[in-house]
């Protein structure tokens, strides 16, 4: 009986190790995330966002289309674009890997709902992902 217990334990451990080593280890297939295109063809305006995770944020986290009014998003986009562009022009003070490009967003142009919706949500996503506050007098209590 004294020898049976260690023998069963040894057999069990050997069996587990053998099974684990015989299972082929496969790499997870990482789906390539498609860039999000923000465009208004009539204005010849286009922004391409290739920030990993934004597709998921837009489809699963962001409020649905129609939740915000276009005016609400425009006001915030104007403030956030201003801050973004100021930071993009100061690469020694702000991370140039985050603020890579200046955004040409003119307050007097009607970009339409879709452009404002995607840009607004990108700013929400970026503030959350990079733990930044783009300001504009808007509290960051709720990100969405």
N, C-alpha and C. Protein backbone atom coordinates (compact mmCIF):
# COMPACT_ATOMS: atom_id res chain seq x y z
N UNK A 1 0.81 -1.19 0.00
CA UNK A 1 0.00 0.00 0.00
C UNK A 1 0.86 1.26 0.00
N UNK A 2 1.99 1.22 0.74
CA UNK A 2 2.88 2.37 0.78
C UNK A 2 3.48 2.65 -0.58
N UNK A 3 3.74 1.65 -1.34
CA UNK A 3 4.34 1.83 -2.65
C UNK A 3 3.29 2.16 -3.71
N UNK A 4 2.07 1.79 -3.48
CA UNK A 4 0.99 2.01 -4.46
C UNK A 4 0.64 3.49 -4.58
N UNK A 5 0.60 4.19 -3.47
CA UNK A 5 0.26 5.62 -3.51
C UNK A 5 1.27 6.43 -4.33
N UNK A 6 2.57 6.32 -4.07
CA UNK A 6 3.54 7.06 -4.88
C UNK A 6 3.53 6.63 -6.34
N UNK A 7 3.28 5.36 -6.58
CA UNK A 7 3.25 4.86 -7.95
C UNK A 7 2.07 5.44 -8.72
N UNK A 8 0.92 5.52 -8.11
CA UNK A 8 -0.27 6.11 -8.74
C UNK A 8 -0.05 7.61 -8.96
N UNK A 9 0.51 8.28 -7.99
CA UNK A 9 0.79 9.71 -8.10
C UNK A 9 1.78 9.98 -9.22
N UNK A 10 2.87 9.17 -9.27
CA UNK A 10 3.86 9.32 -10.32
C UNK A 10 3.24 9.05 -11.70
N UNK A 11 2.40 8.04 -11.79
CA UNK A 11 1.75 7.71 -13.06
C UNK A 11 0.82 8.83 -13.51
N UNK A 12 0.10 9.39 -12.57
CA UNK A 12 -0.83 10.48 -12.88
C UNK A 12 -0.09 11.72 -13.37
N UNK A 13 0.98 12.07 -12.68
CA UNK A 13 1.79 13.23 -13.09
C UNK A 13 2.42 12.98 -14.45
N UNK A 14 2.93 11.80 -14.67
CA UNK A 14 3.53 11.47 -15.97
C UNK A 14 2.51 11.56 -17.09
N UNK A 15 1.31 11.05 -16.84
CA UNK A 15 0.24 11.10 -17.84
C UNK A 15 -0.14 12.54 -18.17
N UNK A 16 -0.24 13.39 -17.17
CA UNK A 16 -0.58 14.79 -17.39
C UNK A 16 0.51 15.48 -18.20
N UNK A 17 1.77 15.28 -17.82
CA UNK A 17 2.87 15.89 -18.55
C UNK A 17 2.95 15.40 -19.99
N UNK A 18 2.72 14.11 -20.19
CA UNK A 18 2.76 13.54 -21.54
C UNK A 18 1.64 14.14 -22.40
N UNK A 19 0.44 14.28 -21.85
CA UNK A 19 -0.68 14.86 -22.58
C UNK A 19 -0.43 16.33 -22.92
N UNK A 20 0.13 17.04 -21.99
CA UNK A 20 0.40 18.46 -22.24
C UNK A 20 1.46 18.64 -23.32
N UNK A 21 2.46 17.77 -23.31
CA UNK A 21 3.52 17.91 -24.31
C UNK A 21 3.10 17.42 -25.68
N UNK A 22 2.09 16.58 -25.76
CA UNK A 22 1.68 16.05 -27.06
C UNK A 22 0.67 16.95 -27.75
N UNK A 23 0.11 17.91 -27.04
CA UNK A 23 -0.83 18.84 -27.65
C UNK A 23 -0.04 19.90 -28.39
N UNK A 24 -0.27 20.04 -29.69
CA UNK A 24 0.50 21.05 -30.42
C UNK A 24 0.12 22.45 -29.95
N UNK A 25 1.11 23.29 -29.79
CA UNK A 25 0.88 24.66 -29.37
C UNK A 25 0.67 25.48 -30.62
N UNK A 26 -0.50 26.05 -30.72
CA UNK A 26 -0.80 26.86 -31.90
C UNK A 26 -0.82 28.32 -31.52
N UNK A 27 -0.30 29.12 -32.39
CA UNK A 27 -0.33 30.57 -32.16
C UNK A 27 -1.73 31.06 -32.41
N UNK A 28 -2.15 31.99 -31.59
CA UNK A 28 -3.46 32.58 -31.81
C UNK A 28 -3.43 33.37 -33.10
N UNK A 29 -4.46 33.21 -33.87
CA UNK A 29 -4.54 34.01 -35.09
C UNK A 29 -5.04 35.38 -34.72
N UNK A 30 -4.22 36.34 -34.98
CA UNK A 30 -4.55 37.72 -34.66
C UNK A 30 -5.16 38.34 -35.91
N UNK A 31 -6.40 38.73 -35.77
CA UNK A 31 -7.07 39.35 -36.89
C UNK A 31 -6.51 40.75 -37.09
N UNK A 32 -6.22 41.04 -38.33
CA UNK A 32 -5.72 42.38 -38.65
C UNK A 32 -6.91 43.33 -38.64
N UNK A 33 -6.78 44.34 -37.82
CA UNK A 33 -7.86 45.31 -37.70
C UNK A 33 -7.83 46.27 -38.88
N UNK A 34 -8.96 46.42 -39.51
CA UNK A 34 -9.08 47.33 -40.64
C UNK A 34 -9.09 48.77 -40.14
N UNK A 35 -8.46 49.67 -40.87
CA UNK A 35 -8.50 51.07 -40.46
C UNK A 35 -9.91 51.64 -40.60
N UNK A 36 -10.22 52.60 -39.76
CA UNK A 36 -11.51 53.28 -39.82
C UNK A 36 -11.31 54.53 -40.67
N UNK A 37 -12.14 54.65 -41.69
CA UNK A 37 -12.05 55.81 -42.59
C UNK A 37 -13.16 56.78 -42.24
N UNK A 38 -12.78 58.00 -41.99
CA UNK A 38 -13.73 59.08 -41.74
C UNK A 38 -13.70 59.94 -42.99
N UNK A 39 -14.78 59.95 -43.72
CA UNK A 39 -14.75 60.66 -45.00
C UNK A 39 -16.08 61.31 -45.31
N UNK A 40 -16.00 62.39 -46.06
CA UNK A 40 -17.15 63.06 -46.63
C UNK A 40 -16.77 63.33 -48.08
N UNK A 41 -17.26 62.50 -48.98
CA UNK A 41 -16.86 62.57 -50.38
C UNK A 41 -17.17 63.92 -51.02
N UNK A 42 -18.30 64.52 -50.67
CA UNK A 42 -18.66 65.79 -51.30
C UNK A 42 -17.70 66.92 -50.91
N UNK A 43 -17.06 66.79 -49.73
CA UNK A 43 -16.11 67.80 -49.27
C UNK A 43 -14.67 67.39 -49.54
N UNK A 44 -14.49 66.20 -50.12
CA UNK A 44 -13.16 65.64 -50.34
C UNK A 44 -12.36 65.66 -49.04
N UNK A 45 -12.96 65.14 -48.00
CA UNK A 45 -12.38 65.14 -46.67
C UNK A 45 -12.23 63.70 -46.22
N UNK A 46 -11.04 63.35 -45.70
CA UNK A 46 -10.84 61.97 -45.28
C UNK A 46 -9.80 61.91 -44.17
N UNK A 47 -10.13 61.14 -43.14
CA UNK A 47 -9.20 60.83 -42.07
C UNK A 47 -9.18 59.31 -41.98
N UNK A 48 -7.99 58.73 -41.91
CA UNK A 48 -7.88 57.29 -41.76
C UNK A 48 -7.27 57.02 -40.38
N UNK A 49 -8.00 56.27 -39.56
CA UNK A 49 -7.53 55.96 -38.21
C UNK A 49 -7.11 54.50 -38.17
N UNK A 50 -5.84 54.28 -37.86
CA UNK A 50 -5.32 52.91 -37.80
C UNK A 50 -4.92 52.53 -36.38
N UNK A 51 -5.45 53.21 -35.41
CA UNK A 51 -5.15 52.97 -34.01
C UNK A 51 -5.80 51.65 -33.57
N UNK A 52 -5.01 50.65 -33.18
CA UNK A 52 -5.58 49.36 -32.77
C UNK A 52 -6.58 49.53 -31.62
N UNK A 53 -7.70 48.92 -31.76
CA UNK A 53 -8.73 48.97 -30.74
C UNK A 53 -9.86 49.93 -31.05
N UNK A 54 -9.65 50.85 -31.99
CA UNK A 54 -10.70 51.83 -32.28
C UNK A 54 -11.91 51.18 -32.94
N UNK A 55 -11.69 50.20 -33.82
CA UNK A 55 -12.83 49.49 -34.42
C UNK A 55 -13.71 48.88 -33.34
N UNK A 56 -13.09 48.21 -32.39
CA UNK A 56 -13.83 47.60 -31.29
C UNK A 56 -14.58 48.67 -30.50
N UNK A 57 -13.88 49.74 -30.17
CA UNK A 57 -14.50 50.82 -29.41
C UNK A 57 -15.72 51.37 -30.15
N UNK A 58 -15.56 51.61 -31.44
CA UNK A 58 -16.64 52.19 -32.24
C UNK A 58 -17.84 51.25 -32.32
N UNK A 59 -17.60 49.95 -32.40
CA UNK A 59 -18.68 48.98 -32.56
C UNK A 59 -19.26 48.45 -31.26
N UNK A 60 -18.49 48.49 -30.18
CA UNK A 60 -18.96 47.87 -28.95
C UNK A 60 -19.10 48.80 -27.76
N UNK A 61 -18.35 49.88 -27.73
CA UNK A 61 -18.34 50.75 -26.56
C UNK A 61 -19.06 52.07 -26.81
N UNK A 62 -18.83 52.64 -27.97
CA UNK A 62 -19.39 53.97 -28.29
C UNK A 62 -20.92 53.95 -28.28
N UNK A 63 -21.47 55.09 -27.93
CA UNK A 63 -22.92 55.24 -28.02
C UNK A 63 -23.34 55.07 -29.48
N UNK A 64 -24.53 54.55 -29.73
CA UNK A 64 -24.95 54.31 -31.12
C UNK A 64 -25.15 55.61 -31.90
N UNK A 65 -25.11 55.45 -33.22
CA UNK A 65 -25.38 56.58 -34.11
C UNK A 65 -26.75 57.16 -33.75
N UNK A 66 -26.83 58.46 -33.66
CA UNK A 66 -28.08 59.13 -33.31
C UNK A 66 -28.19 59.49 -31.84
N UNK A 67 -27.31 58.95 -31.01
CA UNK A 67 -27.35 59.24 -29.58
C UNK A 67 -27.03 60.71 -29.30
N UNK A 68 -26.02 61.23 -29.98
CA UNK A 68 -25.64 62.63 -29.82
C UNK A 68 -26.12 63.42 -31.03
N UNK A 69 -26.38 64.70 -30.81
CA UNK A 69 -26.72 65.55 -31.95
C UNK A 69 -25.44 65.96 -32.66
N UNK A 70 -25.56 66.32 -33.90
CA UNK A 70 -24.39 66.76 -34.66
C UNK A 70 -23.79 68.01 -34.02
N UNK A 71 -24.64 68.93 -33.57
CA UNK A 71 -24.15 70.15 -32.95
C UNK A 71 -23.33 69.85 -31.69
N UNK A 72 -23.82 68.93 -30.87
CA UNK A 72 -23.11 68.54 -29.64
C UNK A 72 -21.71 68.03 -29.97
N UNK A 73 -21.62 67.16 -30.97
CA UNK A 73 -20.32 66.59 -31.35
C UNK A 73 -19.41 67.64 -31.99
N UNK A 74 -19.99 68.54 -32.80
CA UNK A 74 -19.19 69.58 -33.44
C UNK A 74 -18.51 70.48 -32.41
N UNK A 75 -19.25 70.88 -31.38
CA UNK A 75 -18.70 71.76 -30.35
C UNK A 75 -17.50 71.09 -29.67
N UNK A 76 -17.66 69.81 -29.33
CA UNK A 76 -16.56 69.09 -28.69
C UNK A 76 -15.41 68.83 -29.67
N UNK A 77 -15.74 68.49 -30.90
CA UNK A 77 -14.68 68.26 -31.89
C UNK A 77 -13.84 69.50 -32.12
N UNK A 78 -14.47 70.66 -32.17
CA UNK A 78 -13.72 71.91 -32.36
C UNK A 78 -12.73 72.10 -31.21
N UNK A 79 -13.20 71.93 -29.99
CA UNK A 79 -12.32 72.10 -28.82
C UNK A 79 -11.21 71.05 -28.81
N UNK A 80 -11.57 69.80 -29.07
CA UNK A 80 -10.59 68.72 -29.00
C UNK A 80 -9.59 68.79 -30.16
N UNK A 81 -10.03 69.20 -31.35
CA UNK A 81 -9.11 69.36 -32.48
C UNK A 81 -8.10 70.46 -32.17
N UNK A 82 -8.56 71.54 -31.57
CA UNK A 82 -7.67 72.64 -31.22
C UNK A 82 -6.56 72.16 -30.28
N UNK A 83 -6.93 71.43 -29.26
CA UNK A 83 -5.95 70.90 -28.31
C UNK A 83 -5.03 69.90 -29.01
N UNK A 84 -5.63 69.00 -29.79
CA UNK A 84 -4.86 67.98 -30.51
C UNK A 84 -3.80 68.63 -31.40
N UNK A 85 -4.22 69.62 -32.19
CA UNK A 85 -3.29 70.27 -33.12
C UNK A 85 -2.18 71.02 -32.39
N UNK A 86 -2.51 71.64 -31.27
CA UNK A 86 -1.49 72.32 -30.48
C UNK A 86 -0.45 71.31 -30.00
N UNK A 87 -0.90 70.14 -29.56
CA UNK A 87 0.03 69.11 -29.09
C UNK A 87 0.83 68.50 -30.25
N UNK A 88 0.18 68.35 -31.39
CA UNK A 88 0.88 67.80 -32.57
C UNK A 88 1.99 68.73 -33.03
N UNK A 89 1.84 70.02 -32.79
CA UNK A 89 2.85 71.00 -33.20
C UNK A 89 3.97 71.14 -32.17
N UNK A 90 3.85 70.43 -31.06
CA UNK A 90 4.87 70.49 -30.01
C UNK A 90 5.38 69.09 -29.67
N UNK A 91 6.11 68.45 -30.60
CA UNK A 91 6.54 67.07 -30.38
C UNK A 91 7.56 66.90 -29.26
N UNK A 92 8.22 67.96 -28.85
CA UNK A 92 9.15 67.84 -27.74
C UNK A 92 8.42 67.81 -26.40
N UNK A 93 7.25 68.39 -26.37
CA UNK A 93 6.48 68.45 -25.13
C UNK A 93 5.45 67.32 -25.04
N UNK A 94 4.92 66.89 -26.20
CA UNK A 94 3.88 65.85 -26.23
C UNK A 94 4.35 64.68 -27.09
N UNK A 95 3.87 63.51 -26.77
CA UNK A 95 4.29 62.28 -27.44
C UNK A 95 3.97 62.33 -28.94
N UNK A 96 5.00 62.38 -29.79
CA UNK A 96 4.76 62.45 -31.24
C UNK A 96 4.21 61.14 -31.81
N UNK A 97 4.27 60.05 -31.04
CA UNK A 97 3.67 58.79 -31.49
C UNK A 97 2.15 58.80 -31.35
N UNK A 98 1.66 59.65 -30.49
CA UNK A 98 0.21 59.79 -30.32
C UNK A 98 -0.30 60.91 -31.22
N UNK A 99 0.33 62.05 -31.13
CA UNK A 99 -0.10 63.23 -31.90
C UNK A 99 0.72 63.32 -33.18
N UNK A 100 0.50 62.39 -34.08
CA UNK A 100 1.31 62.31 -35.30
C UNK A 100 0.96 63.36 -36.33
N UNK A 101 -0.32 63.65 -36.49
CA UNK A 101 -0.75 64.55 -37.56
C UNK A 101 -1.67 65.64 -37.04
N UNK A 102 -1.62 66.75 -37.73
CA UNK A 102 -2.56 67.84 -37.48
C UNK A 102 -3.87 67.50 -38.17
N UNK A 103 -4.97 67.81 -37.54
CA UNK A 103 -6.30 67.55 -38.10
C UNK A 103 -6.85 68.87 -38.64
N UNK A 104 -7.15 68.89 -39.92
CA UNK A 104 -7.70 70.09 -40.56
C UNK A 104 -9.22 70.05 -40.44
N UNK A 105 -9.72 70.59 -39.35
CA UNK A 105 -11.16 70.60 -39.07
C UNK A 105 -11.58 72.05 -38.93
N UNK A 106 -12.34 72.53 -39.89
CA UNK A 106 -12.76 73.93 -39.90
C UNK A 106 -14.16 74.07 -39.30
N UNK A 107 -14.34 74.94 -38.32
CA UNK A 107 -15.64 75.08 -37.67
C UNK A 107 -16.74 75.58 -38.60
N UNK A 108 -16.38 76.25 -39.66
CA UNK A 108 -17.41 76.81 -40.56
C UNK A 108 -17.83 75.84 -41.67
N UNK A 109 -17.30 74.63 -41.66
CA UNK A 109 -17.66 73.63 -42.67
C UNK A 109 -18.56 72.58 -42.04
N UNK A 110 -19.63 72.22 -42.73
CA UNK A 110 -20.53 71.16 -42.27
C UNK A 110 -20.01 69.83 -42.81
N UNK A 111 -19.36 69.06 -41.96
CA UNK A 111 -18.78 67.78 -42.37
C UNK A 111 -19.80 66.66 -42.38
N UNK A 112 -20.96 66.92 -41.82
CA UNK A 112 -21.99 65.90 -41.77
C UNK A 112 -21.92 65.10 -40.48
N UNK A 113 -22.95 64.31 -40.26
CA UNK A 113 -23.08 63.57 -39.01
C UNK A 113 -22.02 62.49 -38.88
N UNK A 114 -21.80 61.70 -39.93
CA UNK A 114 -20.90 60.55 -39.84
C UNK A 114 -19.46 60.95 -39.51
N UNK A 115 -18.96 61.98 -40.18
CA UNK A 115 -17.60 62.45 -39.92
C UNK A 115 -17.49 62.93 -38.47
N UNK A 116 -18.45 63.73 -38.02
CA UNK A 116 -18.42 64.23 -36.65
C UNK A 116 -18.55 63.10 -35.63
N UNK A 117 -19.38 62.11 -35.93
CA UNK A 117 -19.58 60.98 -35.04
C UNK A 117 -18.29 60.18 -34.86
N UNK A 118 -17.63 59.85 -35.95
CA UNK A 118 -16.41 59.04 -35.87
C UNK A 118 -15.26 59.83 -35.24
N UNK A 119 -15.14 61.09 -35.59
CA UNK A 119 -14.07 61.91 -35.01
C UNK A 119 -14.30 62.09 -33.51
N UNK A 120 -15.52 62.39 -33.13
CA UNK A 120 -15.89 62.55 -31.72
C UNK A 120 -15.54 61.28 -30.95
N UNK A 121 -15.92 60.13 -31.50
CA UNK A 121 -15.65 58.87 -30.82
C UNK A 121 -14.17 58.52 -30.81
N UNK A 122 -13.43 58.94 -31.83
CA UNK A 122 -11.98 58.71 -31.78
C UNK A 122 -11.37 59.50 -30.63
N UNK A 123 -11.82 60.73 -30.44
CA UNK A 123 -11.29 61.52 -29.33
C UNK A 123 -11.63 60.89 -27.98
N UNK A 124 -12.84 60.35 -27.85
CA UNK A 124 -13.19 59.65 -26.61
C UNK A 124 -12.29 58.44 -26.41
N UNK A 125 -12.09 57.67 -27.49
CA UNK A 125 -11.25 56.48 -27.45
C UNK A 125 -9.80 56.84 -27.08
N UNK A 126 -9.26 57.85 -27.74
CA UNK A 126 -7.87 58.25 -27.49
C UNK A 126 -7.67 58.74 -26.06
N UNK A 127 -8.64 59.49 -25.55
CA UNK A 127 -8.52 59.98 -24.18
C UNK A 127 -8.51 58.82 -23.19
N UNK A 128 -9.30 57.81 -23.48
CA UNK A 128 -9.36 56.66 -22.60
C UNK A 128 -8.10 55.79 -22.76
N UNK A 129 -7.72 55.51 -23.98
CA UNK A 129 -6.58 54.61 -24.23
C UNK A 129 -5.27 55.21 -23.76
N UNK A 130 -5.05 56.48 -24.04
CA UNK A 130 -3.77 57.11 -23.71
C UNK A 130 -3.81 57.89 -22.40
N UNK A 131 -4.93 57.79 -21.70
CA UNK A 131 -5.10 58.45 -20.41
C UNK A 131 -4.73 59.92 -20.47
N UNK A 132 -5.38 60.59 -21.40
CA UNK A 132 -5.13 62.02 -21.59
C UNK A 132 -6.45 62.76 -21.47
N UNK A 133 -6.35 64.04 -21.32
CA UNK A 133 -7.53 64.89 -21.29
C UNK A 133 -7.32 65.98 -22.33
N UNK A 134 -8.19 66.00 -23.33
CA UNK A 134 -8.07 67.01 -24.37
C UNK A 134 -8.75 68.32 -23.99
N UNK A 135 -9.35 68.36 -22.82
CA UNK A 135 -9.90 69.59 -22.28
C UNK A 135 -11.08 70.14 -23.02
N UNK A 136 -11.03 71.42 -23.28
CA UNK A 136 -12.15 72.09 -23.93
C UNK A 136 -13.25 72.45 -22.96
N UNK A 137 -12.95 72.38 -21.67
CA UNK A 137 -13.96 72.70 -20.67
C UNK A 137 -14.93 71.58 -20.39
N UNK A 138 -14.63 70.40 -20.87
CA UNK A 138 -15.54 69.28 -20.66
C UNK A 138 -14.94 68.36 -19.62
N UNK A 139 -15.75 68.01 -18.64
CA UNK A 139 -15.26 67.14 -17.58
C UNK A 139 -15.07 65.75 -18.14
N UNK A 140 -14.12 65.05 -17.56
CA UNK A 140 -13.79 63.71 -18.02
C UNK A 140 -14.36 62.67 -17.07
N UNK A 141 -15.48 63.01 -16.42
CA UNK A 141 -16.10 62.09 -15.48
C UNK A 141 -16.58 60.85 -16.21
N UNK A 142 -17.21 61.06 -17.33
CA UNK A 142 -17.73 59.96 -18.12
C UNK A 142 -17.11 60.05 -19.50
N UNK A 143 -16.47 58.99 -19.94
CA UNK A 143 -15.75 59.03 -21.20
C UNK A 143 -16.69 58.93 -22.39
N UNK A 144 -17.86 58.40 -22.22
CA UNK A 144 -18.76 58.22 -23.35
C UNK A 144 -20.13 58.72 -22.98
